[in-house]
Amino acid sequence: MIRIDAVWLAVEPVDMRAGTEAALARAVNVFGAAHPHHAYLFANRRANRMKVLVHDGIGVWLAARRLNSGKFVWPKDAGTTLTLTRSQLDALVLGLPWHRIGEAGIIKLL
């Protein structure tokens, strides 16, 4: 698999028609740069689709995920960006409430 050392989430919605180059430009605009081994997450306005851009040190990967029912737990008023842990990323892509998962997967909030 692709090594991911840091996960960044963009709060503002993005047009899901964006391809690799547009997603890379969005990552640079929102986060200031696209660093190697970092993942950049974007969602559409309804939060039922998500794109993940990963810079692997050589090139970029763009993955898309769509939930058939429900939506991703996406922050609305948390500034422009957030950082996530790997456990939070794993929960987010499944549509689970990732913001409730602390270090080592421990649930701290109910």
Protein backbone atom coordinates (compact mmCIF):
# COMPACT_ATOMS: atom_id res chain seq x y z
CA MET A 1 0.00 0.00 0.00
CA ILE A 2 0.93 3.64 -0.23
CA ARG A 3 2.64 5.04 2.85
CA ILE A 4 0.65 7.84 4.52
CA ASP A 5 2.34 9.79 7.30
CA ALA A 6 -0.19 12.63 7.63
CA VAL A 7 -3.86 13.08 6.77
CA TRP A 8 -5.35 16.50 5.99
CA LEU A 9 -9.06 17.21 5.58
CA ALA A 10 -10.41 20.21 3.65
CA VAL A 11 -13.62 21.46 5.22
CA GLU A 12 -14.96 23.38 2.20
CA PRO A 13 -16.74 21.22 -0.42
CA VAL A 14 -15.15 20.50 -3.79
CA ASP A 15 -16.55 19.75 -7.24
CA MET A 16 -16.32 15.96 -7.61
CA ARG A 17 -15.78 16.29 -11.36
CA ALA A 18 -12.23 17.44 -10.59
CA GLY A 19 -9.55 15.13 -11.95
CA THR A 20 -6.05 14.54 -10.66
CA GLU A 21 -4.58 17.87 -11.79
CA ALA A 22 -7.50 19.92 -10.44
CA ALA A 23 -7.41 18.00 -7.13
CA LEU A 24 -3.66 18.58 -6.87
CA ALA A 25 -4.16 22.30 -7.54
CA ARG A 26 -6.88 22.37 -4.87
CA ALA A 27 -4.56 20.66 -2.35
CA VAL A 28 -1.81 23.19 -3.04
CA ASN A 29 -4.26 26.11 -2.75
CA VAL A 30 -5.92 24.88 0.45
CA PHE A 31 -2.94 23.32 2.25
CA GLY A 32 -0.09 25.38 0.79
CA ALA A 33 1.71 22.37 -0.74
CA ALA A 34 1.34 18.67 -1.50
CA HIS A 35 3.94 16.93 0.66
CA PRO A 36 5.19 13.39 0.01
CA HIS A 37 3.37 10.69 1.97
CA HIS A 38 0.53 13.02 2.90
CA ALA A 39 -3.15 12.39 2.10
CA TYR A 40 -5.55 15.25 1.30
CA LEU A 41 -9.29 14.62 1.70
CA PHE A 42 -12.11 16.49 -0.01
CA ALA A 43 -15.89 15.96 -0.04
CA ASN A 44 -18.77 17.26 -2.10
CA ARG A 45 -21.44 19.58 -0.67
CA ARG A 46 -23.76 16.69 0.29
CA ALA A 47 -20.83 14.80 1.90
CA ASN A 48 -21.84 11.53 0.23
CA ARG A 49 -18.75 11.51 -2.02
CA MET A 50 -15.11 11.89 -1.06
CA LYS A 51 -11.84 12.16 -2.94
CA VAL A 52 -8.43 11.40 -1.48
CA LEU A 53 -5.27 12.72 -3.09
CA VAL A 54 -2.02 11.08 -1.97
CA HIS A 55 1.47 12.19 -2.97
CA ASP A 56 3.67 9.07 -2.78
CA GLY A 57 6.97 10.90 -3.32
CA ILE A 58 7.07 10.12 -7.06
CA GLY A 59 3.60 10.97 -8.31
CA VAL A 60 0.06 11.47 -7.08
CA TRP A 61 -2.82 9.05 -6.57
CA LEU A 62 -6.46 10.10 -6.64
CA ALA A 63 -9.11 7.83 -5.16
CA ALA A 64 -12.86 8.40 -4.94
CA ARG A 65 -15.40 6.91 -2.57
CA ARG A 66 -19.18 7.18 -2.66
CA LEU A 67 -21.63 6.10 0.01
CA ASN A 68 -24.79 4.52 -1.38
CA SER A 69 -26.75 5.62 1.67
CA GLY A 70 -25.98 8.13 4.36
CA LYS A 71 -23.10 10.56 4.24
CA PHE A 72 -19.59 11.03 5.54
CA VAL A 73 -19.22 12.78 8.88
CA TRP A 74 -17.76 16.02 7.56
CA PRO A 75 -17.13 19.12 9.68
CA LYS A 76 -18.88 22.32 8.66
CA ASP A 77 -17.58 25.07 10.94
CA ALA A 78 -14.08 23.98 11.91
CA GLY A 79 -11.97 26.44 9.92
CA THR A 80 -10.61 25.47 6.53
CA THR A 81 -8.55 22.36 7.31
CA LEU A 82 -8.14 19.64 9.94
CA THR A 83 -5.60 16.92 10.60
CA LEU A 84 -6.71 13.34 11.21
CA THR A 85 -5.03 10.30 12.69
CA ARG A 86 -4.85 7.04 10.78
CA SER A 87 -7.60 5.58 13.00
CA GLN A 88 -9.81 8.57 12.24
CA LEU A 89 -9.15 8.16 8.49
CA ASP A 90 -10.08 4.49 8.67
CA ALA A 91 -13.36 5.37 10.39
CA LEU A 92 -14.12 8.27 8.03
CA VAL A 93 -13.86 6.22 4.83
CA LEU A 94 -16.37 3.76 6.31
CA GLY A 95 -18.81 6.58 7.09
CA LEU A 96 -18.33 6.23 10.85
CA PRO A 97 -18.14 9.15 13.34
CA TRP A 98 -14.36 9.57 13.12
CA HIS A 99 -14.31 12.68 15.32
CA ARG A 100 -15.18 10.49 18.32
CA ILE A 101 -12.11 8.28 17.96
CA GLY A 102 -9.07 9.27 19.99
CA GLU A 103 -5.57 7.89 20.09
CA ALA A 104 -5.24 4.11 19.68
CA GLY A 105 -8.88 3.90 18.55
CA ILE A 106 -10.23 4.72 22.01
CA ILE A 107 -13.69 6.28 21.93
CA LYS A 108 -13.70 9.28 24.26
CA LEU A 109 -16.96 11.06 23.39
CA LEU A 110 -20.50 9.75 23.28
